[in-house]
């Protein structure tokens, strides 16, 4: 367990200092490897924090424009949310929303903004919660057919 934590910390530092391609070349790790390990860790609640961190790192190893970035960050967000780590959940969902929005995936972005809003509400940050809700709603009304909004985005 300690070796895994040290590997995660080392990889985190590499991700800060290198591009995704450089980090993959330097470590030999691929995002898919991290995802596979994270999925195994998801089966035990005691390992959810580590799984969330692996999903964040997998997202960091991916290229800009890779749709899996948003998925990795949402998975990290859900794990953090269920662990009641509202700050991490808020950051993960917000980053997932931005990644999806940047790729014009408005449905994924709107959902991620709503999840971020729930996280902000758990932190008691009403202003941020309302801002995130407005972003989700604006995406929905500007980009989606009315029946899609009613069924998937709005409560």
C-alpha atoms as a PDB file:
ATOM      1  CA  UNK A   1       0.000   0.000   0.000  1.00  0.00           C
ATOM      2  CA  UNK A   2       2.795   2.423   0.922  1.00  0.00           C
ATOM      3  CA  UNK A   3       4.595   1.712  -2.347  1.00  0.00           C
ATOM      4  CA  UNK A   4       1.403   2.493  -4.277  1.00  0.00           C
ATOM      5  CA  UNK A   5       0.998   5.804  -2.435  1.00  0.00           C
ATOM      6  CA  UNK A   6       4.619   6.751  -3.175  1.00  0.00           C
ATOM      7  CA  UNK A   7       4.111   5.837  -6.846  1.00  0.00           C
ATOM      8  CA  UNK A   8       0.996   8.010  -6.944  1.00  0.00           C
ATOM      9  CA  UNK A   9       2.839  10.962  -5.400  1.00  0.00           C
ATOM     10  CA  UNK A  10       5.752  10.590  -7.815  1.00  0.00           C
ATOM     11  CA  UNK A  11       3.400  10.367 -10.770  1.00  0.00           C
ATOM     12  CA  UNK A  12       1.515  13.433  -9.537  1.00  0.00           C
ATOM     13  CA  UNK A  13       4.739  15.437  -9.474  1.00  0.00           C
ATOM     14  CA  UNK A  14       5.641  14.236 -12.952  1.00  0.00           C
ATOM     15  CA  UNK A  15       2.251  15.279 -14.263  1.00  0.00           C
ATOM     16  CA  UNK A  16       2.782  18.790 -12.963  1.00  0.00           C
ATOM     17  CA  UNK A  17       6.200  19.108 -14.570  1.00  0.00           C
ATOM     18  CA  UNK A  18       5.639  17.255 -17.866  1.00  0.00           C
ATOM     19  CA  UNK A  19       3.258  17.005 -20.756  1.00  0.00           C
ATOM     20  CA  UNK A  20       1.099  13.852 -20.837  1.00  0.00           C
ATOM     21  CA  UNK A  21       3.294  12.281 -23.514  1.00  0.00           C
ATOM     22  CA  UNK A  22       6.452  13.019 -21.513  1.00  0.00           C
ATOM     23  CA  UNK A  23       4.934  11.579 -18.325  1.00  0.00           C
ATOM     24  CA  UNK A  24       3.904   8.378 -20.121  1.00  0.00           C
ATOM     25  CA  UNK A  25       7.355   8.019 -21.648  1.00  0.00           C
ATOM     26  CA  UNK A  26       9.077   8.653 -18.317  1.00  0.00           C
ATOM     27  CA  UNK A  27       6.932   6.336 -16.192  1.00  0.00           C
ATOM     28  CA  UNK A  28       5.829   3.726 -18.684  1.00  0.00           C
ATOM     29  CA  UNK A  29       2.334   4.066 -17.224  1.00  0.00           C
ATOM     30  CA  UNK A  30      -0.614   4.572 -19.498  1.00  0.00           C
ATOM     31  CA  UNK A  31      -3.959   6.068 -18.503  1.00  0.00           C
ATOM     32  CA  UNK A  32      -5.634   2.729 -19.188  1.00  0.00           C
ATOM     33  CA  UNK A  33      -3.348   1.058 -16.621  1.00  0.00           C
ATOM     34  CA  UNK A  34      -4.321   3.597 -13.985  1.00  0.00           C
ATOM     35  CA  UNK A  35      -8.020   3.225 -14.840  1.00  0.00           C
ATOM     36  CA  UNK A  36      -7.830  -0.565 -14.557  1.00  0.00           C
ATOM     37  CA  UNK A  37      -6.217  -0.307 -11.150  1.00  0.00           C
ATOM     38  CA  UNK A  38      -8.754   2.317 -10.054  1.00  0.00           C
ATOM     39  CA  UNK A  39     -11.649   0.071 -11.104  1.00  0.00           C
ATOM     40  CA  UNK A  40     -10.245  -2.713  -8.929  1.00  0.00           C
ATOM     41  CA  UNK A  41      -9.935  -0.323  -5.998  1.00  0.00           C
ATOM     42  CA  UNK A  42     -13.540   0.859  -6.433  1.00  0.00           C
ATOM     43  CA  UNK A  43     -14.775  -2.485  -5.115  1.00  0.00           C
ATOM     44  CA  UNK A  44     -13.631  -1.623  -1.570  1.00  0.00           C
ATOM     45  CA  UNK A  45     -14.843   1.568   0.086  1.00  0.00           C
ATOM     46  CA  UNK A  46     -11.574   1.830   2.022  1.00  0.00           C
ATOM     47  CA  UNK A  47      -9.754   2.291  -1.313  1.00  0.00           C
ATOM     48  CA  UNK A  48     -12.049   4.889  -2.895  1.00  0.00           C
ATOM     49  CA  UNK A  49      -9.758   7.843  -2.165  1.00  0.00           C
ATOM     50  CA  UNK A  50      -6.862   6.074  -3.860  1.00  0.00           C
ATOM     51  CA  UNK A  51      -9.098   5.108  -6.792  1.00  0.00           C
ATOM     52  CA  UNK A  52     -10.214   8.732  -7.176  1.00  0.00           C
ATOM     53  CA  UNK A  53      -6.595   9.868  -7.261  1.00  0.00           C
ATOM     54  CA  UNK A  54      -5.769   7.291  -9.930  1.00  0.00           C
ATOM     55  CA  UNK A  55      -8.679   8.516 -12.052  1.00  0.00           C
ATOM     56  CA  UNK A  56      -7.393  12.096 -11.715  1.00  0.00           C
ATOM     57  CA  UNK A  57      -3.946  10.985 -12.780  1.00  0.00           C
ATOM     58  CA  UNK A  58      -5.343   9.015 -15.715  1.00  0.00           C
ATOM     59  CA  UNK A  59      -7.162  12.161 -16.828  1.00  0.00           C
ATOM     60  CA  UNK A  60      -3.908  14.103 -16.526  1.00  0.00           C
ATOM     61  CA  UNK A  61      -2.106  11.638 -18.770  1.00  0.00           C
ATOM     62  CA  UNK A  62      -4.670  11.994 -21.529  1.00  0.00           C
ATOM     63  CA  UNK A  63      -4.421  14.443 -24.391  1.00  0.00           C
ATOM     64  CA  UNK A  64      -6.582  17.540 -24.601  1.00  0.00           C
ATOM     65  CA  UNK A  65      -9.732  16.621 -26.479  1.00  0.00           C
ATOM     66  CA  UNK A  66      -9.838  13.006 -25.290  1.00  0.00           C
ATOM     67  CA  UNK A  67     -13.448  12.360 -24.190  1.00  0.00           C
ATOM     68  CA  UNK A  68     -12.233   9.964 -21.505  1.00  0.00           C
ATOM     69  CA  UNK A  69     -10.840  12.915 -19.516  1.00  0.00           C
ATOM     70  CA  UNK A  70     -14.344  13.967 -18.489  1.00  0.00           C
ATOM     71  CA  UNK A  71     -15.279  10.386 -17.633  1.00  0.00           C
ATOM     72  CA  UNK A  72     -12.161   9.914 -15.480  1.00  0.00           C
ATOM     73  CA  UNK A  73     -12.814  13.158 -13.635  1.00  0.00           C
ATOM     74  CA  UNK A  74     -16.482  12.347 -13.081  1.00  0.00           C
ATOM     75  CA  UNK A  75     -15.554   8.950 -11.635  1.00  0.00           C
ATOM     76  CA  UNK A  76     -13.118  10.684  -9.289  1.00  0.00           C
ATOM     77  CA  UNK A  77     -15.844  13.168  -8.417  1.00  0.00           C
ATOM     78  CA  UNK A  78     -18.384  10.497  -7.546  1.00  0.00           C
ATOM     79  CA  UNK A  79     -15.910   8.632  -5.363  1.00  0.00           C
ATOM     80  CA  UNK A  80     -14.965  11.850  -3.576  1.00  0.00           C
ATOM     81  CA  UNK A  81     -18.620  12.807  -3.166  1.00  0.00           C
ATOM     82  CA  UNK A  82     -19.493   9.437  -1.631  1.00  0.00           C
ATOM     83  CA  UNK A  83     -16.531   9.866   0.723  1.00  0.00           C
ATOM     84  CA  UNK A  84     -17.979  13.263   1.672  1.00  0.00           C
ATOM     85  CA  UNK A  85     -14.860  14.993   0.357  1.00  0.00           C
ATOM     86  CA  UNK A  86     -16.940  17.843  -1.037  1.00  0.00           C
ATOM     87  CA  UNK A  87     -13.982  20.018  -2.066  1.00  0.00           C
ATOM     88  CA  UNK A  88     -12.404  17.290  -4.183  1.00  0.00           C
ATOM     89  CA  UNK A  89     -15.785  16.375  -5.640  1.00  0.00           C
ATOM     90  CA  UNK A  90     -16.423  20.010  -6.561  1.00  0.00           C
ATOM     91  CA  UNK A  91     -13.018  20.317  -8.234  1.00  0.00           C
ATOM     92  CA  UNK A  92     -13.373  17.000 -10.091  1.00  0.00           C
ATOM     93  CA  UNK A  93     -16.886  17.691 -11.372  1.00  0.00           C
ATOM     94  CA  UNK A  94     -15.989  21.260 -12.354  1.00  0.00           C
ATOM     95  CA  UNK A  95     -12.954  20.062 -14.315  1.00  0.00           C
ATOM     96  CA  UNK A  96     -15.044  17.325 -15.934  1.00  0.00           C
ATOM     97  CA  UNK A  97     -17.622  19.906 -16.974  1.00  0.00           C
ATOM     98  CA  UNK A  98     -14.963  22.154 -18.480  1.00  0.00           C
ATOM     99  CA  UNK A  99     -13.376  19.236 -20.343  1.00  0.00           C
ATOM    100  CA  UNK A 100     -16.726  18.106 -21.752  1.00  0.00           C
ATOM    101  CA  UNK A 101     -17.777  21.659 -22.597  1.00  0.00           C
ATOM    102  CA  UNK A 102     -14.480  22.200 -24.388  1.00  0.00           C
ATOM    103  CA  UNK A 103     -15.322  19.232 -26.586  1.00  0.00           C
ATOM    104  CA  UNK A 104     -18.887  20.473 -27.176  1.00  0.00           C
ATOM    105  CA  UNK A 105     -20.379  17.541 -25.267  1.00  0.00           C
ATOM    106  CA  UNK A 106     -23.066  19.689 -23.703  1.00  0.00           C
ATOM    107  CA  UNK A 107     -25.042  16.884 -22.090  1.00  0.00           C
ATOM    108  CA  UNK A 108     -22.021  15.534 -20.187  1.00  0.00           C
ATOM    109  CA  UNK A 109     -20.957  19.090 -19.341  1.00  0.00           C
ATOM    110  CA  UNK A 110     -24.408  20.042 -18.040  1.00  0.00           C
ATOM    111  CA  UNK A 111     -24.604  16.940 -15.856  1.00  0.00           C
ATOM    112  CA  UNK A 112     -21.106  17.532 -14.491  1.00  0.00           C
ATOM    113  CA  UNK A 113     -21.986  21.162 -13.684  1.00  0.00           C
ATOM    114  CA  UNK A 114     -25.045  19.921 -11.792  1.00  0.00           C
ATOM    115  CA  UNK A 115     -22.937  17.426  -9.840  1.00  0.00           C
ATOM    116  CA  UNK A 116     -20.497  20.230  -9.066  1.00  0.00           C
ATOM    117  CA  UNK A 117     -23.446  22.336  -7.875  1.00  0.00           C
ATOM    118  CA  UNK A 118     -24.498  19.571  -5.469  1.00  0.00           C
ATOM    119  CA  UNK A 119     -20.940  19.454  -4.142  1.00  0.00           C
ATOM    120  CA  UNK A 120     -20.889  23.230  -3.679  1.00  0.00           C
ATOM    121  CA  UNK A 121     -24.182  23.004  -1.800  1.00  0.00           C
ATOM    122  CA  UNK A 122     -22.630  20.438   0.554  1.00  0.00           C
ATOM    123  CA  UNK A 123     -19.857  22.959   1.237  1.00  0.00           C
ATOM    124  CA  UNK A 124     -22.490  25.600   1.963  1.00  0.00           C
ATOM    125  CA  UNK A 125     -21.308  27.754  -0.949  1.00  0.00           C
ATOM    126  CA  UNK A 126     -24.664  28.988  -2.212  1.00  0.00           C
ATOM    127  CA  UNK A 127     -23.189  31.493  -4.653  1.00  0.00           C
ATOM    128  CA  UNK A 128     -21.039  28.884  -6.366  1.00  0.00           C
ATOM    129  CA  UNK A 129     -23.904  26.389  -6.336  1.00  0.00           C
ATOM    130  CA  UNK A 130     -26.189  28.873  -8.090  1.00  0.00           C
ATOM    131  CA  UNK A 131     -23.482  29.794 -10.601  1.00  0.00           C
ATOM    132  CA  UNK A 132     -22.898  26.133 -11.481  1.00  0.00           C
ATOM    133  CA  UNK A 133     -26.641  25.517 -11.789  1.00  0.00           C
ATOM    134  CA  UNK A 134     -26.910  28.497 -14.119  1.00  0.00           C
ATOM    135  CA  UNK A 135     -24.072  27.149 -16.267  1.00  0.00           C
ATOM    136  CA  UNK A 136     -25.805  23.774 -16.536  1.00  0.00           C
ATOM    137  CA  UNK A 137     -29.137  25.341 -17.332  1.00  0.00           C
ATOM    138  CA  UNK A 138     -27.625  27.693 -19.906  1.00  0.00           C
ATOM    139  CA  UNK A 139     -25.949  24.799 -21.657  1.00  0.00           C
ATOM    140  CA  UNK A 140     -29.172  22.853 -21.648  1.00  0.00           C
ATOM    141  CA  UNK A 141     -31.387  25.607 -22.966  1.00  0.00           C
ATOM    142  CA  UNK A 142     -28.889  26.815 -25.530  1.00  0.00           C
ATOM    143  CA  UNK A 143     -27.878  23.465 -26.945  1.00  0.00           C
ATOM    144  CA  UNK A 144     -30.332  20.672 -26.266  1.00  0.00           C
ATOM    145  CA  UNK A 145     -33.803  19.828 -27.540  1.00  0.00           C
ATOM    146  CA  UNK A 146     -36.528  20.467 -24.956  1.00  0.00           C
ATOM    147  CA  UNK A 147     -37.341  16.781 -24.425  1.00  0.00           C
ATOM    148  CA  UNK A 148     -33.682  16.003 -23.715  1.00  0.00           C
ATOM    149  CA  UNK A 149     -33.539  18.829 -21.162  1.00  0.00           C
ATOM    150  CA  UNK A 150     -36.660  17.589 -19.425  1.00  0.00           C
ATOM    151  CA  UNK A 151     -35.491  13.992 -19.260  1.00  0.00           C
ATOM    152  CA  UNK A 152     -31.791  14.283 -18.461  1.00  0.00           C
ATOM    153  CA  UNK A 153     -30.564  17.661 -17.296  1.00  0.00           C
ATOM    154  CA  UNK A 154     -33.134  19.417 -15.184  1.00  0.00           C
ATOM    155  CA  UNK A 155     -34.555  17.929 -11.959  1.00  0.00           C
END
